[in-house]
C-alpha atoms as a PDB file:
ATOM      1  CA  MET A   1      22.936  10.937 -14.627  1.00  0.00           C
ATOM      2  CA  GLY A   2      24.580  14.334 -14.943  1.00  0.00           C
ATOM      3  CA  ARG A   3      23.143  17.452 -13.363  1.00  0.00           C
ATOM      4  CA  VAL A   4      22.450  19.151 -16.591  1.00  0.00           C
ATOM      5  CA  GLU A   5      20.429  16.019 -17.741  1.00  0.00           C
ATOM      6  CA  ALA A   6      18.725  15.877 -14.364  1.00  0.00           C
ATOM      7  CA  GLU A   7      17.627  19.477 -14.749  1.00  0.00           C
ATOM      8  CA  MET A   8      16.019  18.757 -18.083  1.00  0.00           C
ATOM      9  CA  ASN A   9      14.382  15.541 -16.784  1.00  0.00           C
ATOM     10  CA  GLN A  10      12.702  16.208 -13.570  1.00  0.00           C
ATOM     11  CA  ILE A  11      10.774  14.016 -11.120  1.00  0.00           C
ATOM     12  CA  GLY A  12       7.732  15.355  -9.260  1.00  0.00           C
ATOM     13  CA  LEU A  13       6.340  14.273  -6.050  1.00  0.00           C
ATOM     14  CA  VAL A  14       2.728  14.716  -5.157  1.00  0.00           C
ATOM     15  CA  PHE A  15       1.855  14.841  -1.503  1.00  0.00           C
ATOM     16  CA  ASP A  16      -0.617  15.891   0.936  1.00  0.00           C
ATOM     17  CA  ARG A  17       1.493  15.886   4.090  1.00  0.00           C
ATOM     18  CA  ILE A  18       5.315  15.731   4.155  1.00  0.00           C
ATOM     19  CA  ARG A  19       6.154  12.928   6.389  1.00  0.00           C
ATOM     20  CA  TRP A  20       9.507  11.274   7.244  1.00  0.00           C
ATOM     21  CA  GLU A  21       9.364   9.295   3.972  1.00  0.00           C
ATOM     22  CA  GLU A  22       8.815  12.457   1.832  1.00  0.00           C
ATOM     23  CA  LYS A  23      11.654  14.162   3.531  1.00  0.00           C
ATOM     24  CA  VAL A  24      14.219  11.348   2.916  1.00  0.00           C
ATOM     25  CA  LEU A  25      12.993  11.006  -0.591  1.00  0.00           C
ATOM     26  CA  MET A  26      13.913  14.783  -1.218  1.00  0.00           C
ATOM     27  CA  ASP A  27      17.272  14.079   0.424  1.00  0.00           C
ATOM     28  CA  ALA A  28      17.992  11.146  -1.816  1.00  0.00           C
ATOM     29  CA  SER A  29      16.971  13.108  -4.947  1.00  0.00           C
ATOM     30  CA  LYS A  30      19.594  15.828  -3.998  1.00  0.00           C
ATOM     31  CA  ARG A  31      22.410  13.169  -3.467  1.00  0.00           C
ATOM     32  CA  LEU A  32      21.617  11.891  -7.061  1.00  0.00           C
ATOM     33  CA  GLY A  33      21.773  15.354  -8.340  1.00  0.00           C
ATOM     34  CA  LEU A  34      17.847  15.584  -9.112  1.00  0.00           C
ATOM     35  CA  ASN A  35      15.616  18.639  -8.489  1.00  0.00           C
ATOM     36  CA  LEU A  36      12.554  16.955  -6.942  1.00  0.00           C
ATOM     37  CA  LYS A  37       9.551  18.990  -7.804  1.00  0.00           C
ATOM     38  CA  MET A  38       7.324  18.947  -4.737  1.00  0.00           C
ATOM     39  CA  ILE A  39       3.529  19.445  -5.387  1.00  0.00           C
ATOM     40  CA  ASP A  40       1.048  19.893  -2.682  1.00  0.00           C
ATOM     41  CA  SER A  41      -2.124  18.104  -3.760  1.00  0.00           C
ATOM     42  CA  LYS A  42      -4.250  20.454  -1.634  1.00  0.00           C
ATOM     43  CA  GLU A  43      -3.188  23.454  -3.771  1.00  0.00           C
ATOM     44  CA  VAL A  44      -3.396  22.067  -7.247  1.00  0.00           C
ATOM     45  CA  CYS A  45      -6.486  22.763  -9.633  1.00  0.00           C
ATOM     46  CA  PHE A  46      -6.379  20.861 -13.003  1.00  0.00           C
ATOM     47  CA  ASP A  47      -7.887  22.139 -16.296  1.00  0.00           C
ATOM     48  CA  THR A  48      -8.622  18.882 -18.085  1.00  0.00           C
ATOM     49  CA  LEU A  49      -8.023  20.626 -21.535  1.00  0.00           C
ATOM     50  CA  GLU A  50      -4.713  22.125 -20.542  1.00  0.00           C
ATOM     51  CA  ASP A  51      -1.723  21.953 -22.805  1.00  0.00           C
ATOM     52  CA  PRO A  52       0.137  18.567 -21.838  1.00  0.00           C
ATOM     53  CA  ALA A  53       3.520  20.358 -22.110  1.00  0.00           C
ATOM     54  CA  LYS A  54       2.461  22.743 -19.204  1.00  0.00           C
ATOM     55  CA  ILE A  55       1.420  19.884 -17.015  1.00  0.00           C
ATOM     56  CA  GLU A  56       4.707  18.173 -17.648  1.00  0.00           C
ATOM     57  CA  GLU A  57       6.616  21.397 -16.873  1.00  0.00           C
ATOM     58  CA  ALA A  58       4.568  21.710 -13.625  1.00  0.00           C
ATOM     59  CA  PHE A  59       4.919  18.097 -12.482  1.00  0.00           C
ATOM     60  CA  GLY A  60       8.013  16.751 -14.147  1.00  0.00           C
ATOM     61  CA  ASN A  61       8.470  13.796 -16.474  1.00  0.00           C
ATOM     62  CA  VAL A  62       7.783  11.113 -13.886  1.00  0.00           C
ATOM     63  CA  VAL A  63       5.619  11.551 -10.816  1.00  0.00           C
ATOM     64  CA  LEU A  64       5.907   9.901  -7.458  1.00  0.00           C
ATOM     65  CA  GLN A  65       2.512   9.807  -6.064  1.00  0.00           C
ATOM     66  CA  ARG A  66       2.752   9.928  -2.377  1.00  0.00           C
ATOM     67  CA  CYS A  67      -0.848  11.199  -1.088  1.00  0.00           C
ATOM     68  CA  ILE A  68      -2.081   9.853   2.201  1.00  0.00           C
ATOM     69  CA  SER A  69      -5.604  10.193   0.869  1.00  0.00           C
ATOM     70  CA  TYR A  70      -6.365   7.211  -1.377  1.00  0.00           C
ATOM     71  CA  PHE A  71      -9.102   8.884  -3.313  1.00  0.00           C
ATOM     72  CA  ARG A  72      -7.278  12.125  -3.817  1.00  0.00           C
ATOM     73  CA  GLY A  73      -4.207  10.278  -5.009  1.00  0.00           C
ATOM     74  CA  LEU A  74      -6.244   7.955  -7.212  1.00  0.00           C
ATOM     75  CA  HIS A  75      -7.869  10.816  -8.945  1.00  0.00           C
ATOM     76  CA  ILE A  76      -4.728  12.868  -9.321  1.00  0.00           C
ATOM     77  CA  THR A  77      -2.909   9.889 -10.848  1.00  0.00           C
ATOM     78  CA  ALA A  78      -5.792   9.376 -13.486  1.00  0.00           C
ATOM     79  CA  ILE A  79      -5.459  13.018 -14.470  1.00  0.00           C
ATOM     80  CA  LEU A  80      -1.774  13.013 -14.768  1.00  0.00           C
ATOM     81  CA  GLU A  81      -1.724   9.753 -16.815  1.00  0.00           C
ATOM     82  CA  ASN A  82      -4.320  11.199 -19.094  1.00  0.00           C
ATOM     83  CA  PHE A  83      -1.934  14.043 -19.772  1.00  0.00           C
ATOM     84  CA  GLY A  84       0.842  11.283 -20.906  1.00  0.00           C
ATOM     85  CA  LEU A  85       2.824  11.410 -17.583  1.00  0.00           C
ATOM     86  CA  HIS A  86       4.174   8.379 -15.929  1.00  0.00           C
ATOM     87  CA  VAL A  87       3.165   8.000 -12.313  1.00  0.00           C
ATOM     88  CA  ILE A  88       4.720   5.680  -9.657  1.00  0.00           C
ATOM     89  CA  ASN A  89       2.562   3.856  -9.032  1.00  0.00           C
ATOM     90  CA  PRO A  90       0.104   3.824 -12.114  1.00  0.00           C
ATOM     91  CA  PHE A  91      -3.553   4.159 -11.772  1.00  0.00           C
ATOM     92  CA  SER A  92      -4.397   0.572 -12.435  1.00  0.00           C
ATOM     93  CA  VAL A  93      -2.086  -0.510  -9.442  1.00  0.00           C
ATOM     94  CA  SER A  94      -3.426   2.218  -7.224  1.00  0.00           C
ATOM     95  CA  LEU A  95      -6.928   1.187  -7.923  1.00  0.00           C
ATOM     96  CA  LEU A  96      -6.258  -2.386  -7.053  1.00  0.00           C
ATOM     97  CA  CYS A  97      -4.112  -1.892  -4.035  1.00  0.00           C
ATOM     98  CA  GLY A  98      -6.328   0.669  -2.539  1.00  0.00           C
ATOM     99  CA  ASN A  99      -9.172  -1.677  -2.189  1.00  0.00           C
ATOM    100  CA  LYS A 100      -8.512  -4.925  -0.341  1.00  0.00           C
ATOM    101  CA  LEU A 101     -11.114  -6.899  -1.993  1.00  0.00           C
ATOM    102  CA  PHE A 102      -9.729  -5.837  -5.399  1.00  0.00           C
ATOM    103  CA  THR A 103      -6.241  -6.788  -4.181  1.00  0.00           C
ATOM    104  CA  THR A 104      -7.542 -10.162  -2.999  1.00  0.00           C
ATOM    105  CA  LEU A 105      -9.166 -10.964  -6.390  1.00  0.00           C
ATOM    106  CA  ALA A 106      -6.007 -10.095  -8.206  1.00  0.00           C
ATOM    107  CA  LEU A 107      -3.817 -12.344  -5.691  1.00  0.00           C
ATOM    108  CA  ILE A 108      -6.163 -15.274  -6.264  1.00  0.00           C
ATOM    109  CA  LYS A 109      -6.045 -14.868  -9.986  1.00  0.00           C
ATOM    110  CA  ALA A 110      -2.278 -15.046  -9.772  1.00  0.00           C
ATOM    111  CA  GLY A 111      -2.342 -18.201  -7.621  1.00  0.00           C
ATOM    112  CA  VAL A 112      -0.830 -16.239  -4.681  1.00  0.00           C
ATOM    113  CA  PRO A 113      -1.787 -17.657  -1.259  1.00  0.00           C
ATOM    114  CA  ILE A 114      -4.121 -15.694   0.828  1.00  0.00           C
ATOM    115  CA  PRO A 115      -6.222 -16.072   4.018  1.00  0.00           C
ATOM    116  CA  ARG A 116      -9.607 -17.441   3.397  1.00  0.00           C
ATOM    117  CA  THR A 117     -11.793 -14.432   2.815  1.00  0.00           C
ATOM    118  CA  LEU A 118     -15.615 -13.962   2.726  1.00  0.00           C
ATOM    119  CA  VAL A 119     -17.452 -10.981   1.400  1.00  0.00           C
ATOM    120  CA  ALA A 120     -21.000  -9.987   2.335  1.00  0.00           C
ATOM    121  CA  PHE A 121     -23.224  -6.903   1.527  1.00  0.00           C
ATOM    122  CA  THR A 122     -25.894  -6.804   4.414  1.00  0.00           C
ATOM    123  CA  ASP A 123     -25.837  -7.277   8.062  1.00  0.00           C
ATOM    124  CA  ARG A 124     -27.711 -10.610   7.814  1.00  0.00           C
ATOM    125  CA  SER A 125     -25.493 -12.047   5.270  1.00  0.00           C
ATOM    126  CA  ALA A 126     -22.382 -10.839   7.073  1.00  0.00           C
ATOM    127  CA  LEU A 127     -23.413 -12.681  10.333  1.00  0.00           C
ATOM    128  CA  LYS A 128     -23.929 -15.803   8.164  1.00  0.00           C
ATOM    129  CA  ALA A 129     -20.573 -15.420   6.608  1.00  0.00           C
ATOM    130  CA  LEU A 130     -19.014 -15.245  10.165  1.00  0.00           C
ATOM    131  CA  GLU A 131     -20.763 -18.541  11.037  1.00  0.00           C
ATOM    132  CA  THR A 132     -19.240 -20.071   7.828  1.00  0.00           C
ATOM    133  CA  LEU A 133     -15.822 -18.644   8.614  1.00  0.00           C
ATOM    134  CA  GLY A 134     -15.770 -19.528  12.187  1.00  0.00           C
ATOM    135  CA  TYR A 135     -14.445 -17.485  15.298  1.00  0.00           C
ATOM    136  CA  PRO A 136     -12.182 -15.708  15.667  1.00  0.00           C
ATOM    137  CA  ALA A 137     -12.328 -13.991  12.535  1.00  0.00           C
ATOM    138  CA  VAL A 138     -11.060 -10.505  11.161  1.00  0.00           C
ATOM    139  CA  LEU A 139     -13.291  -7.664   9.852  1.00  0.00           C
ATOM    140  CA  LYS A 140     -11.719  -5.151   7.647  1.00  0.00           C
ATOM    141  CA  PRO A 141     -12.871  -2.004   5.806  1.00  0.00           C
ATOM    142  CA  VAL A 142     -12.097  -2.593   2.076  1.00  0.00           C
ATOM    143  CA  VAL A 143     -10.610   0.823   1.897  1.00  0.00           C
ATOM    144  CA  GLY A 144      -8.447   2.066   4.595  1.00  0.00           C
ATOM    145  CA  SER A 145      -4.738   1.886   6.225  1.00  0.00           C
ATOM    146  CA  TRP A 146      -2.952   2.024   9.521  1.00  0.00           C
ATOM    147  CA  GLY A 147      -5.131  -0.746  10.882  1.00  0.00           C
ATOM    148  CA  ARG A 148      -8.082   1.662  11.316  1.00  0.00           C
ATOM    149  CA  LEU A 149     -11.490   0.021  11.840  1.00  0.00           C
ATOM    150  CA  VAL A 150      -9.846  -3.326  11.586  1.00  0.00           C
ATOM    151  CA  ALA A 151     -11.554  -5.559  14.135  1.00  0.00           C
ATOM    152  CA  LEU A 152     -10.961  -8.949  15.920  1.00  0.00           C
ATOM    153  CA  ILE A 153     -14.225 -10.664  16.153  1.00  0.00           C
ATOM    154  CA  ARG A 154     -14.032 -13.385  18.878  1.00  0.00           C
ATOM    155  CA  ASP A 155     -17.748 -14.464  19.223  1.00  0.00           C
ATOM    156  CA  LYS A 156     -21.172 -14.206  17.934  1.00  0.00           C
ATOM    157  CA  ASP A 157     -22.086 -11.478  20.355  1.00  0.00           C
ATOM    158  CA  SER A 158     -19.099  -9.267  19.506  1.00  0.00           C
ATOM    159  CA  ALA A 159     -19.968  -9.860  15.757  1.00  0.00           C
ATOM    160  CA  GLN A 160     -23.591  -8.772  16.271  1.00  0.00           C
ATOM    161  CA  ALA A 161     -22.515  -5.499  17.945  1.00  0.00           C
ATOM    162  CA  LEU A 162     -19.785  -4.695  15.311  1.00  0.00           C
ATOM    163  CA  VAL A 163     -22.087  -5.294  12.401  1.00  0.00           C
ATOM    164  CA  GLU A 164     -24.870  -3.197  13.971  1.00  0.00           C
ATOM    165  CA  SER A 165     -22.428  -0.376  14.358  1.00  0.00           C
ATOM    166  CA  ARG A 166     -21.439  -0.807  10.821  1.00  0.00           C
ATOM    167  CA  GLU A 167     -24.956  -0.553   9.762  1.00  0.00           C
ATOM    168  CA  GLU A 168     -25.366   2.849  11.482  1.00  0.00           C
ATOM    169  CA  MET A 169     -22.443   4.410   9.702  1.00  0.00           C
ATOM    170  CA  GLN A 170     -23.462   6.697   6.886  1.00  0.00           C
ATOM    171  CA  ASN A 171     -20.807   5.312   4.629  1.00  0.00           C
ATOM    172  CA  SER A 172     -21.633   2.903   1.745  1.00  0.00           C
ATOM    173  CA  LEU A 173     -18.166   1.285   2.042  1.00  0.00           C
ATOM    174  CA  MET A 174     -18.787   0.246   5.462  1.00  0.00           C
ATOM    175  CA  GLN A 175     -21.704  -2.023   4.272  1.00  0.00           C
ATOM    176  CA  ILE A 176     -19.242  -4.047   2.275  1.00  0.00           C
ATOM    177  CA  TYR A 177     -18.230  -6.806   4.834  1.00  0.00           C
ATOM    178  CA  TYR A 178     -14.696  -8.029   4.026  1.00  0.00           C
ATOM    179  CA  LEU A 179     -14.038 -11.026   6.430  1.00  0.00           C
ATOM    180  CA  GLN A 180     -10.862 -13.004   6.758  1.00  0.00           C
ATOM    181  CA  GLU A 181      -9.964 -16.015   8.824  1.00  0.00           C
ATOM    182  CA  TYR A 182      -7.749 -15.327  11.909  1.00  0.00           C
ATOM    183  CA  ILE A 183      -4.381 -16.874  11.067  1.00  0.00           C
ATOM    184  CA  LYS A 184      -2.758 -18.761  13.875  1.00  0.00           C
ATOM    185  CA  ARG A 185       0.750 -17.307  13.568  1.00  0.00           C
ATOM    186  CA  PRO A 186       3.706 -15.975  15.610  1.00  0.00           C
ATOM    187  CA  PRO A 187       2.930 -12.537  17.159  1.00  0.00           C
ATOM    188  CA  ARG A 188       4.249 -10.733  14.143  1.00  0.00           C
ATOM    189  CA  ASP A 189       3.887 -10.296  10.446  1.00  0.00           C
ATOM    190  CA  ILE A 190       6.235  -9.554   7.649  1.00  0.00           C
ATOM    191  CA  ARG A 191       6.412  -6.508   5.515  1.00  0.00           C
ATOM    192  CA  ALA A 192       8.560  -6.617   2.384  1.00  0.00           C
ATOM    193  CA  LEU A 193       9.300  -3.873  -0.038  1.00  0.00           C
ATOM    194  CA  THR A 194       9.431  -4.596  -3.777  1.00  0.00           C
ATOM    195  CA  ILE A 195      10.599  -2.069  -6.294  1.00  0.00           C
ATOM    196  CA  GLY A 196      10.121  -3.338  -9.883  1.00  0.00           C
ATOM    197  CA  GLU A 197      11.193  -7.081  -9.911  1.00  0.00           C
ATOM    198  CA  GLU A 198      13.326  -6.878  -6.788  1.00  0.00           C
ATOM    199  CA  VAL A 199      12.604  -7.426  -3.221  1.00  0.00           C
ATOM    200  CA  ILE A 200      14.508  -4.456  -1.600  1.00  0.00           C
ATOM    201  CA  ALA A 201      14.007  -5.114   2.263  1.00  0.00           C
ATOM    202  CA  ALA A 202      11.953  -7.222   4.611  1.00  0.00           C
ATOM    203  CA  ALA A 203      11.195  -6.865   8.292  1.00  0.00           C
ATOM    204  CA  TYR A 204       9.150  -8.518  10.976  1.00  0.00           C
ATOM    205  CA  ARG A 205       6.558  -6.352  12.681  1.00  0.00           C
ATOM    206  CA  TYR A 206       5.527  -7.134  16.110  1.00  0.00           C
ATOM    207  CA  SER A 207       2.474  -5.626  17.730  1.00  0.00           C
ATOM    208  CA  ALA A 208       2.568  -3.064  20.561  1.00  0.00           C
ATOM    209  CA  GLU A 209       1.581  -4.107  23.901  1.00  0.00           C
ATOM    210  CA  ASP A 210      -2.227  -4.767  24.281  1.00  0.00           C
ATOM    211  CA  ASP A 211      -2.772  -4.572  20.394  1.00  0.00           C
ATOM    212  CA  TRP A 212      -3.060  -7.562  18.162  1.00  0.00           C
ATOM    213  CA  ARG A 213      -2.388  -5.542  15.143  1.00  0.00           C
ATOM    214  CA  THR A 214       1.192  -5.019  13.932  1.00  0.00           C
ATOM    215  CA  ASN A 215       1.032  -1.662  12.264  1.00  0.00           C
ATOM    216  CA  VAL A 216       4.153   0.403  12.915  1.00  0.00           C
ATOM    217  CA  ALA A 217       1.813   3.450  12.904  1.00  0.00           C
ATOM    218  CA  ARG A 218       0.116   1.895  15.944  1.00  0.00           C
ATOM    219  CA  GLY A 219       3.300   1.395  17.893  1.00  0.00           C
ATOM    220  CA  GLY A 220       4.473  -1.797  16.471  1.00  0.00           C
ATOM    221  CA  ARG A 221       8.189  -2.611  16.293  1.00  0.00           C
ATOM    222  CA  THR A 222      10.339  -4.035  13.624  1.00  0.00           C
ATOM    223  CA  GLU A 223      13.315  -6.323  13.220  1.00  0.00           C
ATOM    224  CA  PRO A 224      15.141  -7.479  10.071  1.00  0.00           C
ATOM    225  CA  CYS A 225      13.650 -10.376   8.314  1.00  0.00           C
ATOM    226  CA  PRO A 226      15.677 -12.567   6.127  1.00  0.00           C
ATOM    227  CA  ILE A 227      14.461 -12.683   2.459  1.00  0.00           C
ATOM    228  CA  THR A 228      14.247 -16.372   1.896  1.00  0.00           C
ATOM    229  CA  ASP A 229      13.560 -17.908  -1.616  1.00  0.00           C
ATOM    230  CA  ASP A 230      10.009 -18.702  -0.604  1.00  0.00           C
ATOM    231  CA  LEU A 231       9.573 -15.064   0.770  1.00  0.00           C
ATOM    232  CA  GLU A 232      11.015 -13.406  -2.540  1.00  0.00           C
ATOM    233  CA  ASP A 233       9.160 -15.717  -4.805  1.00  0.00           C
ATOM    234  CA  LEU A 234       5.753 -14.875  -3.192  1.00  0.00           C
ATOM    235  CA  THR A 235       6.260 -11.006  -2.777  1.00  0.00           C
ATOM    236  CA  ILE A 236       7.316 -10.785  -6.310  1.00  0.00           C
ATOM    237  CA  ARG A 237       4.413 -12.861  -7.556  1.00  0.00           C
ATOM    238  CA  ALA A 238       2.080 -10.533  -5.452  1.00  0.00           C
ATOM    239  CA  SER A 239       3.719  -7.414  -6.878  1.00  0.00           C
ATOM    240  CA  ARG A 240       3.266  -8.750 -10.424  1.00  0.00           C
ATOM    241  CA  ALA A 241      -0.360  -9.656  -9.722  1.00  0.00           C
ATOM    242  CA  VAL A 242      -1.359  -6.048  -8.964  1.00  0.00           C
ATOM    243  CA  GLY A 243       0.803  -4.534 -11.734  1.00  0.00           C
ATOM    244  CA  GLY A 244       4.129  -3.958 -10.068  1.00  0.00           C
ATOM    245  CA  GLY A 245       6.061  -0.637  -8.996  1.00  0.00           C
ATOM    246  CA  VAL A 246       6.975   0.420  -5.537  1.00  0.00           C
ATOM    247  CA  LEU A 247       4.946  -1.786  -3.160  1.00  0.00           C
ATOM    248  CA  ALA A 248       4.729  -2.932   0.381  1.00  0.00           C
ATOM    249  CA  VAL A 249       3.509  -6.570   0.642  1.00  0.00           C
ATOM    250  CA  ASP A 250       2.380  -7.677   3.954  1.00  0.00           C
ATOM    251  CA  CYS A 251       2.677 -11.413   4.739  1.00  0.00           C
ATOM    252  CA  MET A 252       1.820 -13.704   7.587  1.00  0.00           C
ATOM    253  CA  GLU A 253       3.463 -17.036   8.553  1.00  0.00           C
ATOM    254  CA  SER A 254       0.555 -19.586   8.619  1.00  0.00           C
ATOM    255  CA  PRO A 255       0.794 -23.187   9.692  1.00  0.00           C
ATOM    256  CA  ASP A 256       0.765 -23.985   5.978  1.00  0.00           C
ATOM    257  CA  GLY A 257       3.222 -21.482   4.867  1.00  0.00           C
ATOM    258  CA  ILE A 258       3.417 -17.817   3.923  1.00  0.00           C
ATOM    259  CA  VAL A 259       0.076 -16.142   2.961  1.00  0.00           C
ATOM    260  CA  ILE A 260      -0.239 -12.637   1.482  1.00  0.00           C
ATOM    261  CA  HIS A 261      -2.942 -10.385   3.137  1.00  0.00           C
ATOM    262  CA  GLU A 262      -2.364  -6.862   1.779  1.00  0.00           C
ATOM    263  CA  VAL A 263      -0.379  -4.954  -0.914  1.00  0.00           C
ATOM    264  CA  ASN A 264       0.091  -1.398  -0.123  1.00  0.00           C
ATOM    265  CA  ASN A 265       0.467   1.266  -3.112  1.00  0.00           C
ATOM    266  CA  THR A 266       1.838   4.261  -1.209  1.00  0.00           C
ATOM    267  CA  PRO A 267       3.983   2.670   1.453  1.00  0.00           C
ATOM    268  CA  GLU A 268       5.508   4.023   4.510  1.00  0.00           C
ATOM    269  CA  PHE A 269       8.762   2.613   4.958  1.00  0.00           C
ATOM    270  CA  ARG A 270      10.325   4.219   7.931  1.00  0.00           C
ATOM    271  CA  GLY A 271       9.960   0.871   9.967  1.00  0.00           C
ATOM    272  CA  LEU A 272      11.653  -1.165   7.261  1.00  0.00           C
ATOM    273  CA  TYR A 273      14.619   1.406   7.075  1.00  0.00           C
ATOM    274  CA  SER A 274      14.924   1.452  10.789  1.00  0.00           C
ATOM    275  CA  ALA A 275      15.114  -2.348  10.947  1.00  0.00           C
ATOM    276  CA  THR A 276      17.297  -2.867   7.892  1.00  0.00           C
ATOM    277  CA  LYS A 277      19.241   0.218   7.250  1.00  0.00           C
ATOM    278  CA  ILE A 278      18.882  -0.269   3.513  1.00  0.00           C
ATOM    279  CA  ASP A 279      18.778   3.114   1.720  1.00  0.00           C
ATOM    280  CA  ILE A 280      15.191   2.635   0.416  1.00  0.00           C
ATOM    281  CA  PRO A 281      14.575   6.358  -0.627  1.00  0.00           C
ATOM    282  CA  GLU A 282      17.514   6.378  -2.873  1.00  0.00           C
ATOM    283  CA  LYS A 283      16.432   3.029  -4.553  1.00  0.00           C
ATOM    284  CA  ILE A 284      12.971   4.708  -5.015  1.00  0.00           C
ATOM    285  CA  ILE A 285      14.481   7.573  -6.823  1.00  0.00           C
ATOM    286  CA  GLU A 286      16.783   5.477  -8.873  1.00  0.00           C
ATOM    287  CA  TYR A 287      13.819   3.385 -10.055  1.00  0.00           C
ATOM    288  CA  ALA A 288      11.956   6.680 -11.018  1.00  0.00           C
ATOM    289  CA  ILE A 289      15.040   7.635 -13.021  1.00  0.00           C
ATOM    290  CA  LYS A 290      14.811   4.209 -14.860  1.00  0.00           C
ATOM    291  CA  VAL A 291      11.242   4.907 -15.666  1.00  0.00           C
ATOM    292  CA  MET A 292      12.048   8.379 -16.791  1.00  0.00           C
ATOM    293  CA  LYS A 293      14.720   7.047 -19.293  1.00  0.00           C
ATOM    294  CA  LYS A 294      12.403   4.408 -20.885  1.00  0.00           C
END
């Protein structure tokens, strides 16, 4: 793409905090001759009856949605799509991936293997579900990231305490009990990044000392992971199941093979880049250019 064409066709990036990922995306766009329009979501105000041409002028032809806040990003995506802009990732993908239950249902429908998952809506039914699932089990919020409020429940007593604390929270989402079997696996999981129909990179994520969770945001470390045929097939199927785009697919190595437990819509990729040295930001910008040319 020439610089004149790039100036006529701009890519926007909506953020609420500029992290390492946003900085390297800006650098990659410069290398490719693009003027990346940076839009702080905390400063925007939309007139829903605005002239679509003015929205495109302000945001660009294609918009990378990079908000940390799931609900803020979701609503901004809905507004931008209503004005006719292409957003990466689209509203339908954001809606599914931002809710673990919605993601799980999409994966099941597509025949993608997942951990056994039970869902309950009251404290009493949650405790019954845990008895059915068996201990240890994992309790997750349906909306959330970075491993926050994810709990490993080892026995009935800890289950009672955790469920009671959930009931005291003034948050209706906390009364949705999303429970998964604890997978007996190596002390790691796998994060794979898909862009369109391609698995760009994959890394093992090892938990930090004294923490069973493998999130890099919680101090986990990464190592390169080979992209086997099985891993490639499952991650592409998971990506397709939720609608595709730029996605991080989180996998676990169970005794029966790889299972998918989450698909992330606004992925952080510093750990993947650190492990693999693959130029992920440039590949994301190149993908946005392809979307813009369609």
